[in-house]
Amino acid sequence: TAGETAEHGHFTKGLLDGLKAGAGVPYDPHERRMYVHHLYAHAYGEVR
């Protein structure tokens, strides 16, 4: 079951935090792009 807080689901919160691209969020430093697997890795850790 996907859980949630009063504001967002845990997964949505992880994705939104990842899209802010702050410290600790992975990306490709050579292309300076974030790919879906980078965003997933961040959200995965946050949700777990």
PDB file of all heavy atoms in Angstrom:
ATOM      1  N   THR A   1       0.864  -1.179   0.000  1.00  0.00           N
ATOM      2  CA  THR A   1       0.000   0.000   0.000  1.00  0.00           C
ATOM      3  C   THR A   1       0.894   1.220   0.000  1.00  0.00           C
ATOM      4  O   THR A   1       1.828   1.308   0.803  1.00  0.00           O
ATOM      5  CB  THR A   1      -0.901   0.015   1.246  1.00  0.00           C
ATOM      6  OG1 THR A   1      -1.710  -1.158   1.229  1.00  0.00           O
ATOM      7  CG2 THR A   1      -1.782   1.240   1.272  1.00  0.00           C
ATOM      8  N   ALA A   2       0.612   2.167  -0.879  1.00  0.00           N
ATOM      9  CA  ALA A   2       1.378   3.400  -0.932  1.00  0.00           C
ATOM     10  C   ALA A   2       0.862   4.346   0.142  1.00  0.00           C
ATOM     11  O   ALA A   2      -0.306   4.702   0.151  1.00  0.00           O
ATOM     12  CB  ALA A   2       1.261   4.040  -2.315  1.00  0.00           C
ATOM     13  N   GLY A   3       1.761   4.736   1.046  1.00  0.00           N
ATOM     14  CA  GLY A   3       1.374   5.600   2.158  1.00  0.00           C
ATOM     15  C   GLY A   3       1.463   7.071   1.802  1.00  0.00           C
ATOM     16  O   GLY A   3       1.994   7.461   0.765  1.00  0.00           O
ATOM     17  N   GLU A   4       0.934   7.886   2.714  1.00  0.00           N
ATOM     18  CA  GLU A   4       0.928   9.323   2.472  1.00  0.00           C
ATOM     19  C   GLU A   4       1.003  10.091   3.777  1.00  0.00           C
ATOM     20  O   GLU A   4       0.777   9.540   4.852  1.00  0.00           O
ATOM     21  CB  GLU A   4      -0.331   9.726   1.710  1.00  0.00           C
ATOM     22  CG  GLU A   4      -1.627   9.377   2.411  1.00  0.00           C
ATOM     23  CD  GLU A   4      -2.830   9.663   1.545  1.00  0.00           C
ATOM     24  OE1 GLU A   4      -2.958  10.807   1.078  1.00  0.00           O
ATOM     25  OE2 GLU A   4      -3.626   8.748   1.341  1.00  0.00           O
ATOM     26  N   THR A   5       1.340  11.354   3.651  1.00  0.00           N
ATOM     27  CA  THR A   5       1.286  12.290   4.766  1.00  0.00           C
ATOM     28  C   THR A   5       0.084  13.192   4.517  1.00  0.00           C
ATOM     29  O   THR A   5      -0.651  12.987   3.550  1.00  0.00           O
ATOM     30  CB  THR A   5       2.576  13.137   4.833  1.00  0.00           C
ATOM     31  OG1 THR A   5       2.642  13.965   3.670  1.00  0.00           O
ATOM     32  CG2 THR A   5       3.820  12.260   4.911  1.00  0.00           C
ATOM     33  N   ALA A   6      -0.096  14.210   5.344  1.00  0.00           N
ATOM     34  CA  ALA A   6      -1.221  15.131   5.147  1.00  0.00           C
ATOM     35  C   ALA A   6      -1.075  15.930   3.857  1.00  0.00           C
ATOM     36  O   ALA A   6      -2.063  16.343   3.264  1.00  0.00           O
ATOM     37  CB  ALA A   6      -1.327  16.075   6.341  1.00  0.00           C
ATOM     38  N   GLU A   7       0.171  16.114   3.400  1.00  0.00           N
ATOM     39  CA  GLU A   7       0.409  16.956   2.235  1.00  0.00           C
ATOM     40  C   GLU A   7       0.533  16.183   0.922  1.00  0.00           C
ATOM     41  O   GLU A   7      -0.037  16.569  -0.086  1.00  0.00           O
ATOM     42  CB  GLU A   7       1.675  17.770   2.460  1.00  0.00           C
ATOM     43  CG  GLU A   7       1.836  18.914   1.476  1.00  0.00           C
ATOM     44  CD  GLU A   7       2.972  19.829   1.890  1.00  0.00           C
ATOM     45  OE1 GLU A   7       2.762  20.635   2.796  1.00  0.00           O
ATOM     46  OE2 GLU A   7       4.055  19.689   1.298  1.00  0.00           O
ATOM     47  N   HIS A   8       1.318  15.083   0.924  1.00  0.00           N
ATOM     48  CA  HIS A   8       1.578  14.306  -0.291  1.00  0.00           C
ATOM     49  C   HIS A   8       1.739  12.833   0.066  1.00  0.00           C
ATOM     50  O   HIS A   8       1.983  12.495   1.219  1.00  0.00           O
ATOM     51  CB  HIS A   8       2.898  14.735  -0.954  1.00  0.00           C
ATOM     52  CG  HIS A   8       2.916  16.118  -1.492  1.00  0.00           C
ATOM     53  ND1 HIS A   8       2.165  16.501  -2.576  1.00  0.00           N
ATOM     54  CD2 HIS A   8       3.602  17.219  -1.109  1.00  0.00           C
ATOM     55  CE1 HIS A   8       2.386  17.776  -2.831  1.00  0.00           C
ATOM     56  NE2 HIS A   8       3.253  18.239  -1.953  1.00  0.00           N
ATOM     57  N   GLY A   9       1.695  12.006  -0.969  1.00  0.00           N
ATOM     58  CA  GLY A   9       2.119  10.632  -0.785  1.00  0.00           C
ATOM     59  C   GLY A   9       3.629  10.610  -0.599  1.00  0.00           C
ATOM     60  O   GLY A   9       4.332  11.533  -1.019  1.00  0.00           O
ATOM     61  N   HIS A  10       4.145   9.574   0.042  1.00  0.00           N
ATOM     62  CA  HIS A  10       5.593   9.473   0.262  1.00  0.00           C
ATOM     63  C   HIS A  10       6.349   9.503  -1.071  1.00  0.00           C
ATOM     64  O   HIS A  10       7.399  10.138  -1.181  1.00  0.00           O
ATOM     65  CB  HIS A  10       5.940   8.198   1.023  1.00  0.00           C
ATOM     66  CG  HIS A  10       5.381   8.161   2.404  1.00  0.00           C
ATOM     67  ND1 HIS A  10       5.689   9.089   3.371  1.00  0.00           N
ATOM     68  CD2 HIS A  10       4.503   7.309   2.985  1.00  0.00           C
ATOM     69  CE1 HIS A  10       5.050   8.805   4.492  1.00  0.00           C
ATOM     70  NE2 HIS A  10       4.312   7.732   4.276  1.00  0.00           N
ATOM     71  N   PHE A  11       5.816   8.828  -2.064  1.00  0.00           N
ATOM     72  CA  PHE A  11       6.476   8.762  -3.370  1.00  0.00           C
ATOM     73  C   PHE A  11       6.470  10.130  -4.056  1.00  0.00           C
ATOM     74  O   PHE A  11       7.497  10.577  -4.572  1.00  0.00           O
ATOM     75  CB  PHE A  11       5.772   7.718  -4.241  1.00  0.00           C
ATOM     76  CG  PHE A  11       6.422   7.492  -5.563  1.00  0.00           C
ATOM     77  CD1 PHE A  11       7.711   7.002  -5.660  1.00  0.00           C
ATOM     78  CD2 PHE A  11       5.738   7.732  -6.740  1.00  0.00           C
ATOM     79  CE1 PHE A  11       8.306   6.776  -6.885  1.00  0.00           C
ATOM     80  CE2 PHE A  11       6.313   7.506  -7.969  1.00  0.00           C
ATOM     81  CZ  PHE A  11       7.602   7.018  -8.040  1.00  0.00           C
ATOM     82  N   THR A  12       5.332  10.805  -4.033  1.00  0.00           N
ATOM     83  CA  THR A  12       5.253  12.145  -4.631  1.00  0.00           C
ATOM     84  C   THR A  12       6.230  13.089  -3.955  1.00  0.00           C
ATOM     85  O   THR A  12       6.924  13.859  -4.611  1.00  0.00           O
ATOM     86  CB  THR A  12       3.820  12.699  -4.527  1.00  0.00           C
ATOM     87  OG1 THR A  12       2.940  11.832  -5.244  1.00  0.00           O
ATOM     88  CG2 THR A  12       3.718  14.106  -5.090  1.00  0.00           C
ATOM     89  N   LYS A  13       6.312  13.027  -2.636  1.00  0.00           N
ATOM     90  CA  LYS A  13       7.246  13.879  -1.904  1.00  0.00           C
ATOM     91  C   LYS A  13       8.680  13.578  -2.320  1.00  0.00           C
ATOM     92  O   LYS A  13       9.476  14.490  -2.543  1.00  0.00           O
ATOM     93  CB  LYS A  13       7.082  13.711  -0.402  1.00  0.00           C
ATOM     94  CG  LYS A  13       7.992  14.637   0.398  1.00  0.00           C
ATOM     95  CD  LYS A  13       7.738  14.504   1.874  1.00  0.00           C
ATOM     96  CE  LYS A  13       8.566  15.447   2.722  1.00  0.00           C
ATOM     97  NZ  LYS A  13       9.863  15.826   2.234  1.00  0.00           N
ATOM     98  N   GLY A  14       9.024  12.303  -2.448  1.00  0.00           N
ATOM     99  CA  GLY A  14      10.370  11.930  -2.881  1.00  0.00           C
ATOM    100  C   GLY A  14      10.686  12.442  -4.274  1.00  0.00           C
ATOM    101  O   GLY A  14      11.798  12.921  -4.535  1.00  0.00           O
ATOM    102  N   LEU A  15       9.719  12.357  -5.180  1.00  0.00           N
ATOM    103  CA  LEU A  15       9.924  12.861  -6.545  1.00  0.00           C
ATOM    104  C   LEU A  15      10.077  14.382  -6.552  1.00  0.00           C
ATOM    105  O   LEU A  15      10.971  14.917  -7.215  1.00  0.00           O
ATOM    106  CB  LEU A  15       8.754  12.464  -7.444  1.00  0.00           C
ATOM    107  CG  LEU A  15       8.611  10.982  -7.769  1.00  0.00           C
ATOM    108  CD1 LEU A  15       7.355  10.757  -8.602  1.00  0.00           C
ATOM    109  CD2 LEU A  15       9.835  10.461  -8.491  1.00  0.00           C
ATOM    110  N   LEU A  16       9.212  15.074  -5.826  1.00  0.00           N
ATOM    111  CA  LEU A  16       9.286  16.537  -5.783  1.00  0.00           C
ATOM    112  C   LEU A  16      10.610  17.006  -5.189  1.00  0.00           C
ATOM    113  O   LEU A  16      11.232  17.941  -5.698  1.00  0.00           O
ATOM    114  CB  LEU A  16       8.106  17.113  -4.994  1.00  0.00           C
ATOM    115  CG  LEU A  16       6.739  16.976  -5.654  1.00  0.00           C
ATOM    116  CD1 LEU A  16       5.638  17.438  -4.693  1.00  0.00           C
ATOM    117  CD2 LEU A  16       6.683  17.758  -6.956  1.00  0.00           C
ATOM    118  N   ASP A  17      11.043  16.354  -4.119  1.00  0.00           N
ATOM    119  CA  ASP A  17      12.331  16.700  -3.519  1.00  0.00           C
ATOM    120  C   ASP A  17      13.473  16.440  -4.495  1.00  0.00           C
ATOM    121  O   ASP A  17      14.407  17.235  -4.601  1.00  0.00           O
ATOM    122  CB  ASP A  17      12.565  15.908  -2.233  1.00  0.00           C
ATOM    123  CG  ASP A  17      11.658  16.348  -1.086  1.00  0.00           C
ATOM    124  OD1 ASP A  17      11.014  17.415  -1.200  1.00  0.00           O
ATOM    125  OD2 ASP A  17      11.593  15.614  -0.084  1.00  0.00           O
ATOM    126  N   GLY A  18      13.385  15.346  -5.227  1.00  0.00           N
ATOM    127  CA  GLY A  18      14.418  15.019  -6.216  1.00  0.00           C
ATOM    128  C   GLY A  18      14.454  16.014  -7.358  1.00  0.00           C
ATOM    129  O   GLY A  18      15.533  16.384  -7.831  1.00  0.00           O
ATOM    130  N   LEU A  19      13.297  16.478  -7.793  1.00  0.00           N
ATOM    131  CA  LEU A  19      13.240  17.440  -8.898  1.00  0.00           C
ATOM    132  C   LEU A  19      13.811  18.802  -8.523  1.00  0.00           C
ATOM    133  O   LEU A  19      14.202  19.571  -9.392  1.00  0.00           O
ATOM    134  CB  LEU A  19      11.801  17.582  -9.395  1.00  0.00           C
ATOM    135  CG  LEU A  19      11.281  16.383 -10.186  1.00  0.00           C
ATOM    136  CD1 LEU A  19       9.783  16.511 -10.430  1.00  0.00           C
ATOM    137  CD2 LEU A  19      12.029  16.238 -11.498  1.00  0.00           C
ATOM    138  N   LYS A  20      13.890  19.087  -7.233  1.00  0.00           N
ATOM    139  CA  LYS A  20      14.525  20.327  -6.790  1.00  0.00           C
ATOM    140  C   LYS A  20      16.031  20.275  -7.032  1.00  0.00           C
ATOM    141  O   LYS A  20      16.693  21.304  -7.016  1.00  0.00           O
ATOM    142  CB  LYS A  20      14.231  20.573  -5.316  1.00  0.00           C
ATOM    143  CG  LYS A  20      12.775  20.909  -5.052  1.00  0.00           C
ATOM    144  CD  LYS A  20      12.523  21.076  -3.570  1.00  0.00           C
ATOM    145  CE  LYS A  20      11.042  21.258  -3.299  1.00  0.00           C
ATOM    146  NZ  LYS A  20      10.756  21.262  -1.871  1.00  0.00           N
ATOM    147  N   ALA A  21      16.553  19.060  -7.232  1.00  0.00           N
ATOM    148  CA  ALA A  21      17.967  18.840  -7.567  1.00  0.00           C
ATOM    149  C   ALA A  21      18.915  19.477  -6.569  1.00  0.00           C
ATOM    150  O   ALA A  21      19.916  20.070  -6.940  1.00  0.00           O
ATOM    151  CB  ALA A  21      18.256  19.313  -8.989  1.00  0.00           C
ATOM    152  N   GLY A  22      18.617  19.333  -5.302  1.00  0.00           N
ATOM    153  CA  GLY A  22      19.494  19.859  -4.261  1.00  0.00           C
ATOM    154  C   GLY A  22      20.635  18.914  -3.937  1.00  0.00           C
ATOM    155  O   GLY A  22      20.888  17.943  -4.659  1.00  0.00           O
ATOM    156  N   ALA A  23      21.309  19.190  -2.858  1.00  0.00           N
ATOM    157  CA  ALA A  23      22.441  18.373  -2.426  1.00  0.00           C
ATOM    158  C   ALA A  23      22.007  16.924  -2.219  1.00  0.00           C
ATOM    159  O   ALA A  23      20.950  16.655  -1.667  1.00  0.00           O
ATOM    160  CB  ALA A  23      23.016  18.932  -1.130  1.00  0.00           C
ATOM    161  N   GLY A  24      22.815  16.008  -2.692  1.00  0.00           N
ATOM    162  CA  GLY A  24      22.540  14.587  -2.516  1.00  0.00           C
ATOM    163  C   GLY A  24      21.661  13.969  -3.582  1.00  0.00           C
ATOM    164  O   GLY A  24      21.440  12.766  -3.580  1.00  0.00           O
ATOM    165  N   VAL A  25      21.133  14.755  -4.498  1.00  0.00           N
ATOM    166  CA  VAL A  25      20.302  14.215  -5.575  1.00  0.00           C
ATOM    167  C   VAL A  25      21.218  13.871  -6.750  1.00  0.00           C
ATOM    168  O   VAL A  25      21.940  14.731  -7.246  1.00  0.00           O
ATOM    169  CB  VAL A  25      19.214  15.216  -6.012  1.00  0.00           C
ATOM    170  CG1 VAL A  25      18.415  14.667  -7.180  1.00  0.00           C
ATOM    171  CG2 VAL A  25      18.293  15.541  -4.845  1.00  0.00           C
ATOM    172  N   PRO A  26      21.215  12.618  -7.196  1.00  0.00           N
ATOM    173  CA  PRO A  26      22.123  12.219  -8.274  1.00  0.00           C
ATOM    174  C   PRO A  26      21.735  12.807  -9.629  1.00  0.00           C
ATOM    175  O   PRO A  26      20.570  13.105  -9.874  1.00  0.00           O
ATOM    176  CB  PRO A  26      22.014  10.698  -8.287  1.00  0.00           C
ATOM    177  CG  PRO A  26      20.698  10.397  -7.673  1.00  0.00           C
ATOM    178  CD  PRO A  26      20.398  11.510  -6.716  1.00  0.00           C
ATOM    179  N   TYR A  27      22.742  12.974 -10.469  1.00  0.00           N
ATOM    180  CA  TYR A  27      22.545  13.411 -11.851  1.00  0.00           C
ATOM    181  C   TYR A  27      23.795  13.036 -12.631  1.00  0.00           C
ATOM    182  O   TYR A  27      24.793  12.602 -12.048  1.00  0.00           O
ATOM    183  CB  TYR A  27      22.261  14.916 -11.927  1.00  0.00           C
ATOM    184  CG  TYR A  27      23.458  15.783 -11.627  1.00  0.00           C
ATOM    185  CD1 TYR A  27      24.180  16.372 -12.651  1.00  0.00           C
ATOM    186  CD2 TYR A  27      23.876  15.994 -10.324  1.00  0.00           C
ATOM    187  CE1 TYR A  27      25.292  17.160 -12.387  1.00  0.00           C
ATOM    188  CE2 TYR A  27      24.982  16.769 -10.046  1.00  0.00           C
ATOM    189  CZ  TYR A  27      25.688  17.358 -11.083  1.00  0.00           C
ATOM    190  OH  TYR A  27      26.780  18.121 -10.812  1.00  0.00           O
ATOM    191  N   ASP A  28      23.763  13.200 -13.923  1.00  0.00           N
ATOM    192  CA  ASP A  28      24.926  12.920 -14.758  1.00  0.00           C
ATOM    193  C   ASP A  28      25.785  14.185 -14.804  1.00  0.00           C
ATOM    194  O   ASP A  28      25.397  15.171 -15.431  1.00  0.00           O
ATOM    195  CB  ASP A  28      24.482  12.526 -16.167  1.00  0.00           C
ATOM    196  CG  ASP A  28      25.642  12.108 -17.046  1.00  0.00           C
ATOM    197  OD1 ASP A  28      26.719  12.734 -16.949  1.00  0.00           O
ATOM    198  OD2 ASP A  28      25.478  11.166 -17.824  1.00  0.00           O
ATOM    199  N   PRO A  29      26.954  14.184 -14.152  1.00  0.00           N
ATOM    200  CA  PRO A  29      27.762  15.402 -14.101  1.00  0.00           C
ATOM    201  C   PRO A  29      28.391  15.766 -15.444  1.00  0.00           C
ATOM    202  O   PRO A  29      28.742  16.924 -15.665  1.00  0.00           O
ATOM    203  CB  PRO A  29      28.843  15.072 -13.064  1.00  0.00           C
ATOM    204  CG  PRO A  29      28.951  13.593 -13.106  1.00  0.00           C
ATOM    205  CD  PRO A  29      27.571  13.083 -13.431  1.00  0.00           C
ATOM    206  N   HIS A  30      28.515  14.806 -16.342  1.00  0.00           N
ATOM    207  CA  HIS A  30      29.114  15.079 -17.648  1.00  0.00           C
ATOM    208  C   HIS A  30      28.127  15.774 -18.581  1.00  0.00           C
ATOM    209  O   HIS A  30      28.493  16.699 -19.304  1.00  0.00           O
ATOM    210  CB  HIS A  30      29.630  13.786 -18.286  1.00  0.00           C
ATOM    211  CG  HIS A  30      30.593  13.065 -17.403  1.00  0.00           C
ATOM    212  ND1 HIS A  30      31.867  13.531 -17.158  1.00  0.00           N
ATOM    213  CD2 HIS A  30      30.457  11.939 -16.675  1.00  0.00           C
ATOM    214  CE1 HIS A  30      32.476  12.712 -16.326  1.00  0.00           C
ATOM    215  NE2 HIS A  30      31.633  11.731 -16.015  1.00  0.00           N
ATOM    216  N   GLU A  31      26.885  15.332 -18.548  1.00  0.00           N
ATOM    217  CA  GLU A  31      25.847  15.934 -19.388  1.00  0.00           C
ATOM    218  C   GLU A  31      25.050  17.000 -18.637  1.00  0.00           C
ATOM    219  O   GLU A  31      24.257  17.706 -19.244  1.00  0.00           O
ATOM    220  CB  GLU A  31      24.890  14.850 -19.906  1.00  0.00           C
ATOM    221  CG  GLU A  31      25.556  13.859 -20.830  1.00  0.00           C
ATOM    222  CD  GLU A  31      24.582  12.822 -21.340  1.00  0.00           C
ATOM    223  OE1 GLU A  31      23.356  12.970 -21.140  1.00  0.00           O
ATOM    224  OE2 GLU A  31      25.038  11.852 -21.953  1.00  0.00           O
ATOM    225  N   ARG A  32      25.256  17.049 -17.321  1.00  0.00           N
ATOM    226  CA  ARG A  32      24.521  17.977 -16.455  1.00  0.00           C
ATOM    227  C   ARG A  32      23.012  17.800 -16.618  1.00  0.00           C
ATOM    228  O   ARG A  32      22.259  18.759 -16.757  1.00  0.00           O
ATOM    229  CB  ARG A  32      24.963  19.413 -16.698  1.00  0.00           C
ATOM    230  CG  ARG A  32      26.450  19.614 -16.448  1.00  0.00           C
ATOM    231  CD  ARG A  32      26.904  21.038 -16.531  1.00  0.00           C
ATOM    232  NE  ARG A  32      26.203  21.962 -15.661  1.00  0.00           N
ATOM    233  CZ  ARG A  32      26.442  22.152 -14.349  1.00  0.00           C
ATOM    234  NH1 ARG A  32      27.365  21.430 -13.755  1.00  0.00           N
ATOM    235  NH2 ARG A  32      25.756  23.039 -13.669  1.00  0.00           N
ATOM    236  N   ARG A  33      22.606  16.524 -16.626  1.00  0.00           N
ATOM    237  CA  ARG A  33      21.191  16.167 -16.763  1.00  0.00           C
ATOM    238  C   ARG A  33      20.803  15.169 -15.687  1.00  0.00           C
ATOM    239  O   ARG A  33      21.621  14.369 -15.259  1.00  0.00           O
ATOM    240  CB  ARG A  33      20.918  15.502 -18.115  1.00  0.00           C
ATOM    241  CG  ARG A  33      21.046  16.406 -19.286  1.00  0.00           C
ATOM    242  CD  ARG A  33      20.752  15.643 -20.530  1.00  0.00           C
ATOM    243  NE  ARG A  33      19.647  16.319 -21.201  1.00  0.00           N
ATOM    244  CZ  ARG A  33      19.118  15.926 -22.315  1.00  0.00           C
ATOM    245  NH1 ARG A  33      19.535  14.839 -22.912  1.00  0.00           N
ATOM    246  NH2 ARG A  33      18.137  16.597 -22.863  1.00  0.00           N
ATOM    247  N   MET A  34      19.542  15.209 -15.330  1.00  0.00           N
ATOM    248  CA  MET A  34      18.992  14.198 -14.445  1.00  0.00           C
ATOM    249  C   MET A  34      18.145  13.260 -15.307  1.00  0.00           C
ATOM    250  O   MET A  34      17.286  13.711 -16.062  1.00  0.00           O
ATOM    251  CB  MET A  34      18.114  14.825 -13.362  1.00  0.00           C
ATOM    252  CG  MET A  34      17.527  13.800 -12.410  1.00  0.00           C
ATOM    253  SD  MET A  34      16.319  14.503 -11.251  1.00  0.00           S
ATOM    254  CE  MET A  34      17.314  15.654 -10.354  1.00  0.00           C
ATOM    255  N   TYR A  35      18.419  11.989 -15.192  1.00  0.00           N
ATOM    256  CA  TYR A  35      17.646  10.978 -15.909  1.00  0.00           C
ATOM    257  C   TYR A  35      16.663  10.323 -14.946  1.00  0.00           C
ATOM    258  O   TYR A  35      16.785  10.450 -13.726  1.00  0.00           O
ATOM    259  CB  TYR A  35      18.583   9.934 -16.529  1.00  0.00           C
ATOM    260  CG  TYR A  35      19.345  10.463 -17.707  1.00  0.00           C
ATOM    261  CD1 TYR A  35      20.587  11.061 -17.543  1.00  0.00           C
ATOM    262  CD2 TYR A  35      18.811  10.410 -18.988  1.00  0.00           C
ATOM    263  CE1 TYR A  35      21.286  11.571 -18.628  1.00  0.00           C
ATOM    264  CE2 TYR A  35      19.498  10.913 -20.083  1.00  0.00           C
ATOM    265  CZ  TYR A  35      20.733  11.485 -19.891  1.00  0.00           C
ATOM    266  OH  TYR A  35      21.415  11.997 -20.976  1.00  0.00           O
ATOM    267  N   VAL A  36      15.700   9.627 -15.498  1.00  0.00           N
ATOM    268  CA  VAL A  36      14.651   9.031 -14.668  1.00  0.00           C
ATOM    269  C   VAL A  36      15.244   8.078 -13.625  1.00  0.00           C
ATOM    270  O   VAL A  36      14.751   8.019 -12.496  1.00  0.00           O
ATOM    271  CB  VAL A  36      13.561   8.334 -15.527  1.00  0.00           C
ATOM    272  CG1 VAL A  36      14.084   7.074 -16.176  1.00  0.00           C
ATOM    273  CG2 VAL A  36      12.327   8.035 -14.688  1.00  0.00           C
ATOM    274  N   HIS A  37      16.318   7.380 -13.943  1.00  0.00           N
ATOM    275  CA  HIS A  37      16.890   6.468 -12.954  1.00  0.00           C
ATOM    276  C   HIS A  37      17.555   7.228 -11.802  1.00  0.00           C
ATOM    277  O   HIS A  37      17.606   6.739 -10.684  1.00  0.00           O
ATOM    278  CB  HIS A  37      17.851   5.463 -13.605  1.00  0.00           C
ATOM    279  CG  HIS A  37      19.031   6.059 -14.260  1.00  0.00           C
ATOM    280  ND1 HIS A  37      19.008   6.490 -15.566  1.00  0.00           N
ATOM    281  CD2 HIS A  37      20.277   6.318 -13.802  1.00  0.00           C
ATOM    282  CE1 HIS A  37      20.188   6.986 -15.882  1.00  0.00           C
ATOM    283  NE2 HIS A  37      20.978   6.902 -14.826  1.00  0.00           N
ATOM    284  N   HIS A  38      18.043   8.442 -12.046  1.00  0.00           N
ATOM    285  CA  HIS A  38      18.569   9.272 -10.967  1.00  0.00           C
ATOM    286  C   HIS A  38      17.434   9.701 -10.031  1.00  0.00           C
ATOM    287  O   HIS A  38      17.554   9.622  -8.806  1.00  0.00           O
ATOM    288  CB  HIS A  38      19.252  10.529 -11.522  1.00  0.00           C
ATOM    289  CG  HIS A  38      20.463  10.259 -12.320  1.00  0.00           C
ATOM    290  ND1 HIS A  38      20.592  10.698 -13.621  1.00  0.00           N
ATOM    291  CD2 HIS A  38      21.607   9.602 -12.030  1.00  0.00           C
ATOM    292  CE1 HIS A  38      21.769  10.330 -14.081  1.00  0.00           C
ATOM    293  NE2 HIS A  38      22.402   9.656 -13.147  1.00  0.00           N
ATOM    294  N   LEU A  39      16.356  10.176 -10.621  1.00  0.00           N
ATOM    295  CA  LEU A  39      15.199  10.607  -9.846  1.00  0.00           C
ATOM    296  C   LEU A  39      14.618   9.441  -9.051  1.00  0.00           C
ATOM    297  O   LEU A  39      14.284   9.572  -7.870  1.00  0.00           O
ATOM    298  CB  LEU A  39      14.141  11.207 -10.776  1.00  0.00           C
ATOM    299  CG  LEU A  39      12.909  11.795 -10.124  1.00  0.00           C
ATOM    300  CD1 LEU A  39      13.273  12.883  -9.122  1.00  0.00           C
ATOM    301  CD2 LEU A  39      11.976  12.337 -11.192  1.00  0.00           C
ATOM    302  N   TYR A  40      14.541   8.289  -9.692  1.00  0.00           N
ATOM    303  CA  TYR A  40      14.039   7.086  -9.023  1.00  0.00           C
ATOM    304  C   TYR A  40      14.910   6.724  -7.826  1.00  0.00           C
ATOM    305  O   TYR A  40      14.392   6.413  -6.749  1.00  0.00           O
ATOM    306  CB  TYR A  40      13.975   5.921 -10.012  1.00  0.00           C
ATOM    307  CG  TYR A  40      13.781   4.590  -9.342  1.00  0.00           C
ATOM    308  CD1 TYR A  40      12.556   4.240  -8.791  1.00  0.00           C
ATOM    309  CD2 TYR A  40      14.828   3.685  -9.242  1.00  0.00           C
ATOM    310  CE1 TYR A  40      12.368   3.022  -8.171  1.00  0.00           C
ATOM    311  CE2 TYR A  40      14.656   2.462  -8.628  1.00  0.00           C
ATOM    312  CZ  TYR A  40      13.435   2.135  -8.091  1.00  0.00           C
ATOM    313  OH  TYR A  40      13.250   0.943  -7.468  1.00  0.00           O
ATOM    314  N   ALA A  41      16.222   6.765  -7.999  1.00  0.00           N
ATOM    315  CA  ALA A  41      17.131   6.398  -6.907  1.00  0.00           C
ATOM    316  C   ALA A  41      16.904   7.296  -5.692  1.00  0.00           C
ATOM    317  O   ALA A  41      16.882   6.829  -4.549  1.00  0.00           O
ATOM    318  CB  ALA A  41      18.581   6.474  -7.367  1.00  0.00           C
ATOM    319  N   HIS A  42      16.714   8.579  -5.941  1.00  0.00           N
ATOM    320  CA  HIS A  42      16.470   9.502  -4.831  1.00  0.00           C
ATOM    321  C   HIS A  42      15.123   9.193  -4.163  1.00  0.00           C
ATOM    322  O   HIS A  42      15.046   9.072  -2.937  1.00  0.00           O
ATOM    323  CB  HIS A  42      16.495  10.950  -5.326  1.00  0.00           C
ATOM    324  CG  HIS A  42      16.220  11.922  -4.230  1.00  0.00           C
ATOM    325  ND1 HIS A  42      17.154  12.260  -3.298  1.00  0.00           N
ATOM    326  CD2 HIS A  42      15.087  12.592  -3.896  1.00  0.00           C
ATOM    327  CE1 HIS A  42      16.620  13.110  -2.432  1.00  0.00           C
ATOM    328  NE2 HIS A  42      15.371  13.326  -2.789  1.00  0.00           N
ATOM    329  N   ALA A  43      14.071   9.086  -4.959  1.00  0.00           N
ATOM    330  CA  ALA A  43      12.738   8.823  -4.409  1.00  0.00           C
ATOM    331  C   ALA A  43      12.704   7.486  -3.674  1.00  0.00           C
ATOM    332  O   ALA A  43      12.094   7.369  -2.612  1.00  0.00           O
ATOM    333  CB  ALA A  43      11.688   8.849  -5.514  1.00  0.00           C
ATOM    334  N   TYR A  44      13.377   6.484  -4.215  1.00  0.00           N
ATOM    335  CA  TYR A  44      13.412   5.155  -3.590  1.00  0.00           C
ATOM    336  C   TYR A  44      13.954   5.244  -2.164  1.00  0.00           C
ATOM    337  O   TYR A  44      13.350   4.738  -1.224  1.00  0.00           O
ATOM    338  CB  TYR A  44      14.280   4.219  -4.437  1.00  0.00           C
ATOM    339  CG  TYR A  44      14.369   2.816  -3.911  1.00  0.00           C
ATOM    340  CD1 TYR A  44      13.409   1.872  -4.240  1.00  0.00           C
ATOM    341  CD2 TYR A  44      15.416   2.420  -3.088  1.00  0.00           C
ATOM    342  CE1 TYR A  44      13.484   0.572  -3.762  1.00  0.00           C
ATOM    343  CE2 TYR A  44      15.514   1.129  -2.604  1.00  0.00           C
ATOM    344  CZ  TYR A  44      14.543   0.211  -2.939  1.00  0.00           C
ATOM    345  OH  TYR A  44      14.618  -1.062  -2.459  1.00  0.00           O
ATOM    346  N   GLY A  45      15.088   5.914  -2.013  1.00  0.00           N
ATOM    347  CA  GLY A  45      15.680   6.043  -0.682  1.00  0.00           C
ATOM    348  C   GLY A  45      14.795   6.818   0.273  1.00  0.00           C
ATOM    349  O   GLY A  45      14.648   6.450   1.446  1.00  0.00           O
ATOM    350  N   GLU A  46      14.191   7.890  -0.215  1.00  0.00           N
ATOM    351  CA  GLU A  46      13.322   8.706   0.635  1.00  0.00           C
ATOM    352  C   GLU A  46      12.079   7.933   1.082  1.00  0.00           C
ATOM    353  O   GLU A  46      11.691   7.998   2.245  1.00  0.00           O
ATOM    354  CB  GLU A  46      12.915   9.987  -0.099  1.00  0.00           C
ATOM    355  CG  GLU A  46      14.069  10.938  -0.357  1.00  0.00           C
ATOM    356  CD  GLU A  46      14.707  11.437   0.919  1.00  0.00           C
ATOM    357  OE1 GLU A  46      13.980  11.937   1.802  1.00  0.00           O
ATOM    358  OE2 GLU A  46      15.948  11.333   1.041  1.00  0.00           O
ATOM    359  N   VAL A  47      11.469   7.220   0.163  1.00  0.00           N
ATOM    360  CA  VAL A  47      10.253   6.455   0.482  1.00  0.00           C
ATOM    361  C   VAL A  47      10.570   5.329   1.453  1.00  0.00           C
ATOM    362  O   VAL A  47       9.865   5.134   2.450  1.00  0.00           O
ATOM    363  CB  VAL A  47       9.587   5.894  -0.796  1.00  0.00           C
ATOM    364  CG1 VAL A  47       8.493   4.891  -0.460  1.00  0.00           C
ATOM    365  CG2 VAL A  47       9.047   7.028  -1.646  1.00  0.00           C
ATOM    366  N   ARG A  48      11.635   4.595   1.206  1.00  0.00           N
ATOM    367  CA  ARG A  48      12.002   3.493   2.110  1.00  0.00           C
ATOM    368  C   ARG A  48      12.308   4.029   3.507  1.00  0.00           C
ATOM    369  O   ARG A  48      11.940   3.417   4.500  1.00  0.00           O
ATOM    370  CB  ARG A  48      13.178   2.711   1.555  1.00  0.00           C
ATOM    371  CG  ARG A  48      12.817   1.998   0.275  1.00  0.00           C
ATOM    372  CD  ARG A  48      13.265   0.587   0.118  1.00  0.00           C
ATOM    373  NE  ARG A  48      14.107   0.020   1.112  1.00  0.00           N
ATOM    374  CZ  ARG A  48      13.720  -0.986   1.914  1.00  0.00           C
ATOM    375  NH1 ARG A  48      12.505  -1.489   1.813  1.00  0.00           N
ATOM    376  NH2 ARG A  48      14.550  -1.497   2.791  1.00  0.00           N
TER     377      ARG A  48
END
